PDB file of N, CA and C in Angstrom:
ATOM      1  N   MET A   1      16.660   7.368  -2.790  1.00  0.00           N
ATOM      2  CA  MET A   1      16.206   6.544  -1.702  1.00  0.00           C
ATOM      3  C   MET A   1      16.487   5.092  -2.066  1.00  0.00           C
ATOM      4  N   ALA A   2      16.931   4.311  -1.120  1.00  0.00           N
ATOM      5  CA  ALA A   2      17.231   2.909  -1.367  1.00  0.00           C
ATOM      6  C   ALA A   2      16.455   2.047  -0.373  1.00  0.00           C
ATOM      7  N   PHE A   3      16.042   0.870  -0.836  1.00  0.00           N
ATOM      8  CA  PHE A   3      15.329  -0.079   0.003  1.00  0.00           C
ATOM      9  C   PHE A   3      16.013  -1.430  -0.092  1.00  0.00           C
ATOM     10  N   HIS A   4      16.115  -2.104   1.035  1.00  0.00           N
ATOM     11  CA  HIS A   4      16.572  -3.489   1.030  1.00  0.00           C
ATOM     12  C   HIS A   4      15.327  -4.366   1.012  1.00  0.00           C
ATOM     13  N   VAL A   5      15.182  -5.186  -0.006  1.00  0.00           N
ATOM     14  CA  VAL A   5      14.038  -6.078  -0.121  1.00  0.00           C
ATOM     15  C   VAL A   5      14.532  -7.492   0.178  1.00  0.00           C
ATOM     16  N   PRO A   6      14.039  -8.097   1.259  1.00  0.00           N
ATOM     17  CA  PRO A   6      14.592  -9.372   1.703  1.00  0.00           C
ATOM     18  C   PRO A   6      14.203 -10.583   0.862  1.00  0.00           C
ATOM     19  N   ILE A   7      13.202 -10.474  -0.018  1.00  0.00           N
ATOM     20  CA  ILE A   7      12.837 -11.592  -0.878  1.00  0.00           C
ATOM     21  C   ILE A   7      12.694 -11.100  -2.313  1.00  0.00           C
ATOM     22  N   VAL A   8      12.722 -12.020  -3.259  1.00  0.00           N
ATOM     23  CA  VAL A   8      12.824 -11.633  -4.671  1.00  0.00           C
ATOM     24  C   VAL A   8      11.518 -11.185  -5.311  1.00  0.00           C
ATOM     25  N   ASN A   9      10.367 -11.528  -4.762  1.00  0.00           N
ATOM     26  CA  ASN A   9       9.125 -11.219  -5.450  1.00  0.00           C
ATOM     27  C   ASN A   9       8.317 -10.108  -4.783  1.00  0.00           C
ATOM     28  N   VAL A  10       9.003  -9.168  -4.154  1.00  0.00           N
ATOM     29  CA  VAL A  10       8.333  -8.046  -3.498  1.00  0.00           C
ATOM     30  C   VAL A  10       8.814  -6.747  -4.122  1.00  0.00           C
ATOM     31  N   SER A  11       7.894  -5.821  -4.294  1.00  0.00           N
ATOM     32  CA  SER A  11       8.236  -4.494  -4.803  1.00  0.00           C
ATOM     33  C   SER A  11       7.703  -3.439  -3.851  1.00  0.00           C
ATOM     34  N   VAL A  12       8.075  -2.199  -4.121  1.00  0.00           N
ATOM     35  CA  VAL A  12       7.668  -1.105  -3.245  1.00  0.00           C
ATOM     36  C   VAL A  12       7.020  -0.001  -4.071  1.00  0.00           C
ATOM     37  N   VAL A  13       6.046   0.662  -3.461  1.00  0.00           N
ATOM     38  CA  VAL A  13       5.438   1.858  -4.036  1.00  0.00           C
ATOM     39  C   VAL A  13       5.916   3.035  -3.198  1.00  0.00           C
ATOM     40  N   ASP A  14       6.481   4.029  -3.840  1.00  0.00           N
ATOM     41  CA  ASP A  14       6.930   5.257  -3.188  1.00  0.00           C
ATOM     42  C   ASP A  14       6.057   6.373  -3.773  1.00  0.00           C
ATOM     43  N   LEU A  15       5.019   6.754  -3.042  1.00  0.00           N
ATOM     44  CA  LEU A  15       4.010   7.684  -3.539  1.00  0.00           C
ATOM     45  C   LEU A  15       4.126   9.020  -2.812  1.00  0.00           C
ATOM     46  N   THR A  16       4.381  10.081  -3.547  1.00  0.00           N
ATOM     47  CA  THR A  16       4.399  11.422  -2.967  1.00  0.00           C
ATOM     48  C   THR A  16       3.094  12.110  -3.361  1.00  0.00           C
ATOM     49  N   CYS A  17       2.386  12.622  -2.376  1.00  0.00           N
ATOM     50  CA  CYS A  17       1.059  13.206  -2.596  1.00  0.00           C
ATOM     51  C   CYS A  17       1.042  14.678  -2.213  1.00  0.00           C
ATOM     52  N   HIS A  18       0.377  15.476  -3.031  1.00  0.00           N
ATOM     53  CA  HIS A  18       0.093  16.869  -2.687  1.00  0.00           C
ATOM     54  C   HIS A  18      -1.369  16.916  -2.285  1.00  0.00           C
ATOM     55  N   LEU A  19      -1.620  17.164  -1.001  1.00  0.00           N
ATOM     56  CA  LEU A  19      -2.969  17.124  -0.454  1.00  0.00           C
ATOM     57  C   LEU A  19      -3.678  18.455  -0.634  1.00  0.00           C
ATOM     58  N   GLU A  20      -4.922  18.397  -1.052  1.00  0.00           N
ATOM     59  CA  GLU A  20      -5.731  19.607  -1.188  1.00  0.00           C
ATOM     60  C   GLU A  20      -6.015  20.211   0.190  1.00  0.00           C
ATOM     61  N   LYS A  21      -6.332  19.329   1.162  1.00  0.00           N
ATOM     62  CA  LYS A  21      -6.593  19.769   2.537  1.00  0.00           C
ATOM     63  C   LYS A  21      -5.428  19.329   3.419  1.00  0.00           C
ATOM     64  N   ALA A  22      -5.028  20.177   4.333  1.00  0.00           N
ATOM     65  CA  ALA A  22      -3.923  19.857   5.239  1.00  0.00           C
ATOM     66  C   ALA A  22      -4.279  18.649   6.104  1.00  0.00           C
ATOM     67  N   ALA A  23      -3.276  17.820   6.378  1.00  0.00           N
ATOM     68  CA  ALA A  23      -3.472  16.645   7.229  1.00  0.00           C
ATOM     69  C   ALA A  23      -2.168  16.319   7.935  1.00  0.00           C
ATOM     70  N   LYS A  24      -2.265  15.895   9.164  1.00  0.00           N
ATOM     71  CA  LYS A  24      -1.105  15.447   9.929  1.00  0.00           C
ATOM     72  C   LYS A  24      -0.802  13.991   9.552  1.00  0.00           C
ATOM     73  N   TYR A  25       0.478  13.636   9.541  1.00  0.00           N
ATOM     74  CA  TYR A  25       0.877  12.278   9.151  1.00  0.00           C
ATOM     75  C   TYR A  25       0.250  11.225  10.066  1.00  0.00           C
ATOM     76  N   ASP A  26       0.152  11.511  11.354  1.00  0.00           N
ATOM     77  CA  ASP A  26      -0.477  10.559  12.275  1.00  0.00           C
ATOM     78  C   ASP A  26      -1.925  10.296  11.898  1.00  0.00           C
ATOM     79  N   ASP A  27      -2.635  11.319  11.438  1.00  0.00           N
ATOM     80  CA  ASP A  27      -4.025  11.134  10.998  1.00  0.00           C
ATOM     81  C   ASP A  27      -4.084  10.291   9.721  1.00  0.00           C
ATOM     82  N   ILE A  28      -3.152  10.497   8.815  1.00  0.00           N
ATOM     83  CA  ILE A  28      -3.094   9.706   7.579  1.00  0.00           C
ATOM     84  C   ILE A  28      -2.843   8.242   7.929  1.00  0.00           C
ATOM     85  N   LYS A  29      -1.916   7.984   8.855  1.00  0.00           N
ATOM     86  CA  LYS A  29      -1.627   6.610   9.258  1.00  0.00           C
ATOM     87  C   LYS A  29      -2.870   5.931   9.833  1.00  0.00           C
ATOM     88  N   LYS A  30      -3.659   6.655  10.625  1.00  0.00           N
ATOM     89  CA  LYS A  30      -4.887   6.086  11.203  1.00  0.00           C
ATOM     90  C   LYS A  30      -5.877   5.708  10.111  1.00  0.00           C
ATOM     91  N   VAL A  31      -6.025   6.572   9.116  1.00  0.00           N
ATOM     92  CA  VAL A  31      -6.968   6.291   8.023  1.00  0.00           C
ATOM     93  C   VAL A  31      -6.518   5.074   7.225  1.00  0.00           C
ATOM     94  N   VAL A  32      -5.222   4.992   6.921  1.00  0.00           N
ATOM     95  CA  VAL A  32      -4.719   3.843   6.167  1.00  0.00           C
ATOM     96  C   VAL A  32      -4.905   2.566   6.979  1.00  0.00           C
ATOM     97  N   LYS A  33      -4.681   2.629   8.280  1.00  0.00           N
ATOM     98  CA  LYS A  33      -4.827   1.452   9.136  1.00  0.00           C
ATOM     99  C   LYS A  33      -6.263   0.940   9.142  1.00  0.00           C
ATOM    100  N   GLN A  34      -7.233   1.815   8.966  1.00  0.00           N
ATOM    101  CA  GLN A  34      -8.634   1.412   8.929  1.00  0.00           C
ATOM    102  C   GLN A  34      -8.927   0.502   7.738  1.00  0.00           C
ATOM    103  N   GLY A  35      -8.033   0.506   6.744  1.00  0.00           N
ATOM    104  CA  GLY A  35      -8.209  -0.337   5.565  1.00  0.00           C
ATOM    105  C   GLY A  35      -8.047  -1.814   5.856  1.00  0.00           C
ATOM    106  N   GLY A  36      -7.533  -2.186   7.002  1.00  0.00           N
ATOM    107  CA  GLY A  36      -7.358  -3.594   7.345  1.00  0.00           C
ATOM    108  C   GLY A  36      -6.153  -3.793   8.220  1.00  0.00           C
ATOM    109  N   PRO A  37      -6.001  -4.996   8.755  1.00  0.00           N
ATOM    110  CA  PRO A  37      -4.876  -5.278   9.640  1.00  0.00           C
ATOM    111  C   PRO A  37      -3.560  -5.302   8.878  1.00  0.00           C
ATOM    112  N   PRO A  38      -2.466  -4.915   9.532  1.00  0.00           N
ATOM    113  CA  PRO A  38      -1.181  -4.967   8.849  1.00  0.00           C
ATOM    114  C   PRO A  38      -0.830  -6.395   8.491  1.00  0.00           C
ATOM    115  N   GLN A  39      -0.333  -6.593   7.298  1.00  0.00           N
ATOM    116  CA  GLN A  39       0.067  -7.910   6.837  1.00  0.00           C
ATOM    117  C   GLN A  39       1.537  -7.826   6.454  1.00  0.00           C
ATOM    118  N   GLY A  40       1.878  -8.196   5.243  1.00  0.00           N
ATOM    119  CA  GLY A  40       3.224  -7.948   4.757  1.00  0.00           C
ATOM    120  C   GLY A  40       4.134  -9.147   4.650  1.00  0.00           C
ATOM    121  N   HIS A  41       3.590 -10.326   4.744  1.00  0.00           N
ATOM    122  CA  HIS A  41       4.429 -11.512   4.621  1.00  0.00           C
ATOM    123  C   HIS A  41       4.316 -12.063   3.206  1.00  0.00           C
ATOM    124  N   PRO A  42       5.310 -12.793   2.752  1.00  0.00           N
ATOM    125  CA  PRO A  42       5.165 -13.436   1.436  1.00  0.00           C
ATOM    126  C   PRO A  42       3.874 -14.243   1.386  1.00  0.00           C
ATOM    127  N   SER A  43       3.256 -14.290   0.245  1.00  0.00           N
ATOM    128  CA  SER A  43       1.966 -14.940   0.040  1.00  0.00           C
ATOM    129  C   SER A  43       0.842 -14.175   0.732  1.00  0.00           C
ATOM    130  N   ASP A  44       0.992 -12.890   0.879  1.00  0.00           N
ATOM    131  CA  ASP A  44      -0.014 -12.015   1.451  1.00  0.00           C
ATOM    132  C   ASP A  44      -1.068 -11.725   0.383  1.00  0.00           C
ATOM    133  N   THR A  45      -2.340 -11.885   0.722  1.00  0.00           N
ATOM    134  CA  THR A  45      -3.413 -11.666  -0.244  1.00  0.00           C
ATOM    135  C   THR A  45      -3.785 -10.195  -0.407  1.00  0.00           C
ATOM    136  N   HIS A  46      -3.283  -9.319   0.444  1.00  0.00           N
ATOM    137  CA  HIS A  46      -3.595  -7.891   0.352  1.00  0.00           C
ATOM    138  C   HIS A  46      -2.878  -7.267  -0.851  1.00  0.00           C
ATOM    139  N   SER A  47      -3.459  -6.174  -1.347  1.00  0.00           N
ATOM    140  CA  SER A  47      -2.851  -5.483  -2.491  1.00  0.00           C
ATOM    141  C   SER A  47      -1.511  -4.869  -2.124  1.00  0.00           C
ATOM    142  N   SER A  48      -1.413  -4.319  -0.918  1.00  0.00           N
ATOM    143  CA  SER A  48      -0.152  -3.740  -0.470  1.00  0.00           C
ATOM    144  C   SER A  48      -0.157  -3.632   1.050  1.00  0.00           C
ATOM    145  N   THR A  49       1.029  -3.412   1.601  1.00  0.00           N
ATOM    146  CA  THR A  49       1.203  -3.239   3.042  1.00  0.00           C
ATOM    147  C   THR A  49       1.814  -1.870   3.281  1.00  0.00           C
ATOM    148  N   PHE A  50       1.073  -1.001   3.939  1.00  0.00           N
ATOM    149  CA  PHE A  50       1.517   0.353   4.233  1.00  0.00           C
ATOM    150  C   PHE A  50       2.625   0.309   5.275  1.00  0.00           C
ATOM    151  N   ASP A  51       3.750   0.961   4.980  1.00  0.00           N
ATOM    152  CA  ASP A  51       4.893   1.016   5.892  1.00  0.00           C
ATOM    153  C   ASP A  51       4.929   2.403   6.523  1.00  0.00           C
ATOM    154  N   ALA A  52       4.193   2.563   7.618  1.00  0.00           N
ATOM    155  CA  ALA A  52       4.038   3.875   8.260  1.00  0.00           C
ATOM    156  C   ALA A  52       5.366   4.464   8.710  1.00  0.00           C
ATOM    157  N   GLY A  53       6.301   3.618   9.114  1.00  0.00           N
ATOM    158  CA  GLY A  53       7.596   4.094   9.590  1.00  0.00           C
ATOM    159  C   GLY A  53       8.518   4.584   8.480  1.00  0.00           C
ATOM    160  N   ALA A  54       8.255   4.176   7.252  1.00  0.00           N
ATOM    161  CA  ALA A  54       9.114   4.578   6.138  1.00  0.00           C
ATOM    162  C   ALA A  54       8.643   5.862   5.473  1.00  0.00           C
ATOM    163  N   GLY A  55       7.368   6.203   5.651  1.00  0.00           N
ATOM    164  CA  GLY A  55       6.839   7.424   5.042  1.00  0.00           C
ATOM    165  C   GLY A  55       7.197   8.645   5.864  1.00  0.00           C
ATOM    166  N   ILE A  56       6.852   9.799   5.314  1.00  0.00           N
ATOM    167  CA  ILE A  56       7.172  11.052   6.007  1.00  0.00           C
ATOM    168  C   ILE A  56       6.238  12.151   5.522  1.00  0.00           C
ATOM    169  N   ALA A  57       5.919  13.057   6.430  1.00  0.00           N
ATOM    170  CA  ALA A  57       5.177  14.254   6.051  1.00  0.00           C
ATOM    171  C   ALA A  57       6.191  15.365   5.829  1.00  0.00           C
ATOM    172  N   LEU A  58       6.263  15.850   4.615  1.00  0.00           N
ATOM    173  CA  LEU A  58       7.174  16.951   4.311  1.00  0.00           C
ATOM    174  C   LEU A  58       6.570  18.279   4.743  1.00  0.00           C
ATOM    175  N   SER A  59       5.244  18.322   4.759  1.00  0.00           N
ATOM    176  CA  SER A  59       4.468  19.453   5.290  1.00  0.00           C
ATOM    177  C   SER A  59       3.071  18.910   5.531  1.00  0.00           C
ATOM    178  N   ASP A  60       2.129  19.765   5.929  1.00  0.00           N
ATOM    179  CA  ASP A  60       0.755  19.309   6.108  1.00  0.00           C
ATOM    180  C   ASP A  60       0.050  19.074   4.773  1.00  0.00           C
ATOM    181  N   HIS A  61       0.689  19.451   3.677  1.00  0.00           N
ATOM    182  CA  HIS A  61       0.091  19.276   2.353  1.00  0.00           C
ATOM    183  C   HIS A  61       0.878  18.320   1.453  1.00  0.00           C
ATOM    184  N   ILE A  62       2.074  17.923   1.846  1.00  0.00           N
ATOM    185  CA  ILE A  62       2.887  17.021   1.026  1.00  0.00           C
ATOM    186  C   ILE A  62       3.367  15.867   1.899  1.00  0.00           C
ATOM    187  N   VAL A  63       2.974  14.653   1.501  1.00  0.00           N
ATOM    188  CA  VAL A  63       3.370  13.461   2.245  1.00  0.00           C
ATOM    189  C   VAL A  63       3.955  12.429   1.289  1.00  0.00           C
ATOM    190  N   LYS A  64       4.861  11.635   1.812  1.00  0.00           N
ATOM    191  CA  LYS A  64       5.446  10.520   1.067  1.00  0.00           C
ATOM    192  C   LYS A  64       4.979   9.246   1.763  1.00  0.00           C
ATOM    193  N   LEU A  65       4.257   8.403   1.018  1.00  0.00           N
ATOM    194  CA  LEU A  65       3.734   7.156   1.557  1.00  0.00           C
ATOM    195  C   LEU A  65       4.474   5.990   0.919  1.00  0.00           C
ATOM    196  N   ILE A  66       4.778   4.990   1.730  1.00  0.00           N
ATOM    197  CA  ILE A  66       5.498   3.808   1.260  1.00  0.00           C
ATOM    198  C   ILE A  66       4.627   2.574   1.516  1.00  0.00           C
ATOM    199  N   ALA A  67       4.510   1.727   0.513  1.00  0.00           N
ATOM    200  CA  ALA A  67       3.778   0.464   0.658  1.00  0.00           C
ATOM    201  C   ALA A  67       4.533  -0.630  -0.085  1.00  0.00           C
ATOM    202  N   TRP A  68       4.524  -1.809   0.477  1.00  0.00           N
ATOM    203  CA  TRP A  68       5.165  -2.978  -0.121  1.00  0.00           C
ATOM    204  C   TRP A  68       4.092  -3.875  -0.706  1.00  0.00           C
ATOM    205  N   TYR A  69       4.423  -4.588  -1.771  1.00  0.00           N
ATOM    206  CA  TYR A  69       3.458  -5.543  -2.303  1.00  0.00           C
ATOM    207  C   TYR A  69       4.149  -6.767  -2.862  1.00  0.00           C
ATOM    208  N   ASP A  70       3.439  -7.871  -2.787  1.00  0.00           N
ATOM    209  CA  ASP A  70       3.912  -9.165  -3.270  1.00  0.00           C
ATOM    210  C   ASP A  70       3.598  -9.233  -4.757  1.00  0.00           C
ATOM    211  N   ASN A  71       4.625  -9.273  -5.582  1.00  0.00           N
ATOM    212  CA  ASN A  71       4.446  -9.258  -7.040  1.00  0.00           C
ATOM    213  C   ASN A  71       3.609 -10.417  -7.559  1.00  0.00           C
ATOM    214  N   GLU A  72       3.627 -11.528  -6.893  1.00  0.00           N
ATOM    215  CA  GLU A  72       2.954 -12.709  -7.420  1.00  0.00           C
ATOM    216  C   GLU A  72       1.627 -12.984  -6.727  1.00  0.00           C
ATOM    217  N   PHE A  73       1.650 -13.230  -5.432  1.00  0.00           N
ATOM    218  CA  PHE A  73       0.456 -13.682  -4.735  1.00  0.00           C
ATOM    219  C   PHE A  73      -0.588 -12.574  -4.599  1.00  0.00           C
ATOM    220  N   GLY A  74      -0.167 -11.386  -4.178  1.00  0.00           N
ATOM    221  CA  GLY A  74      -1.116 -10.276  -4.056  1.00  0.00           C
ATOM    222  C   GLY A  74      -1.737  -9.935  -5.396  1.00  0.00           C
ATOM    223  N   TYR A  75      -0.918  -9.871  -6.442  1.00  0.00           N
ATOM    224  CA  TYR A  75      -1.416  -9.564  -7.786  1.00  0.00           C
ATOM    225  C   TYR A  75      -2.385 -10.653  -8.253  1.00  0.00           C
ATOM    226  N   SER A  76      -2.033 -11.899  -8.046  1.00  0.00           N
ATOM    227  CA  SER A  76      -2.900 -13.006  -8.463  1.00  0.00           C
ATOM    228  C   SER A  76      -4.265 -12.918  -7.790  1.00  0.00           C
ATOM    229  N   ASN A  77      -4.284 -12.531  -6.534  1.00  0.00           N
ATOM    230  CA  ASN A  77      -5.552 -12.378  -5.828  1.00  0.00           C
ATOM    231  C   ASN A  77      -6.386 -11.238  -6.406  1.00  0.00           C
ATOM    232  N   ARG A  78      -5.739 -10.167  -6.849  1.00  0.00           N
ATOM    233  CA  ARG A  78      -6.496  -9.079  -7.476  1.00  0.00           C
ATOM    234  C   ARG A  78      -7.069  -9.515  -8.818  1.00  0.00           C
ATOM    235  N   VAL A  79      -6.344 -10.365  -9.557  1.00  0.00           N
ATOM    236  CA  VAL A  79      -6.861 -10.889 -10.830  1.00  0.00           C
ATOM    237  C   VAL A  79      -8.097 -11.745 -10.563  1.00  0.00           C
ATOM    238  N   VAL A  80      -8.052 -12.583  -9.534  1.00  0.00           N
ATOM    239  CA  VAL A  80      -9.215 -13.397  -9.174  1.00  0.00           C
ATOM    240  C   VAL A  80     -10.389 -12.487  -8.799  1.00  0.00           C
ATOM    241  N   ASP A  81     -10.126 -11.436  -8.024  1.00  0.00           N
ATOM    242  CA  ASP A  81     -11.182 -10.481  -7.667  1.00  0.00           C
ATOM    243  C   ASP A  81     -11.788  -9.846  -8.913  1.00  0.00           C
ATOM    244  N   LEU A  82     -10.937  -9.461  -9.860  1.00  0.00           N
ATOM    245  CA  LEU A  82     -11.413  -8.833 -11.091  1.00  0.00           C
ATOM    246  C   LEU A  82     -12.280  -9.804 -11.892  1.00  0.00           C
ATOM    247  N   LYS A  83     -11.839 -11.053 -12.007  1.00  0.00           N
ATOM    248  CA  LYS A  83     -12.631 -12.049 -12.744  1.00  0.00           C
ATOM    249  C   LYS A  83     -13.986 -12.270 -12.077  1.00  0.00           C
ATOM    250  N   ALA A  84     -14.003 -12.340 -10.760  1.00  0.00           N
ATOM    251  CA  ALA A  84     -15.266 -12.520 -10.042  1.00  0.00           C
ATOM    252  C   ALA A  84     -16.186 -11.318 -10.263  1.00  0.00           C
ATOM    253  N   HIS A  85     -15.620 -10.131 -10.242  1.00  0.00           N
ATOM    254  CA  HIS A  85     -16.407  -8.914 -10.496  1.00  0.00           C
ATOM    255  C   HIS A  85     -16.974  -8.925 -11.918  1.00  0.00           C
ATOM    256  N   MET A  86     -16.146  -9.277 -12.886  1.00  0.00           N
ATOM    257  CA  MET A  86     -16.592  -9.320 -14.281  1.00  0.00           C
ATOM    258  C   MET A  86     -17.700 -10.366 -14.465  1.00  0.00           C
ATOM    259  N   ALA A  87     -17.542 -11.515 -13.825  1.00  0.00           N
ATOM    260  CA  ALA A  87     -18.555 -12.571 -13.944  1.00  0.00           C
ATOM    261  C   ALA A  87     -19.881 -12.125 -13.332  1.00  0.00           C
ATOM    262  N   SER A  88     -19.809 -11.303 -12.280  1.00  0.00           N
ATOM    263  CA  SER A  88     -21.046 -10.842 -11.637  1.00  0.00           C
ATOM    264  C   SER A  88     -21.809  -9.838 -12.493  1.00  0.00           C
ATOM    265  N   LYS A  89     -21.141  -9.286 -13.498  1.00  0.00           N
ATOM    266  CA  LYS A  89     -21.757  -8.275 -14.373  1.00  0.00           C
ATOM    267  C   LYS A  89     -22.363  -8.899 -15.629  1.00  0.00           C
ATOM    268  N   GLU A  90     -22.170 -10.190 -15.832  1.00  0.00           N
ATOM    269  CA  GLU A  90     -22.682 -10.842 -17.043  1.00  0.00           C
ATOM    270  C   GLU A  90     -24.165 -11.082 -16.958  1.00  0.00           C
TER     271      GLU A  90
END
């Protein structure tokens, strides 16, 4: 599988899942969408952007999910979240 990445600091997650319970791809897309509004621009603070059109259901038990993430800005925001969480535990 090949992806064209239009900017230099973005990567992709290609996750193939074997589901214990059968699920339709449209239902999976709805659940992922509940996680927040679609983003996907450089300097995006989200951990990743689900690309519903790039994924596929191979069966009701095997799905391939694709998500894009900003290597710098999204990651930096997760580090800040982690530091805030750690500070709250002191």
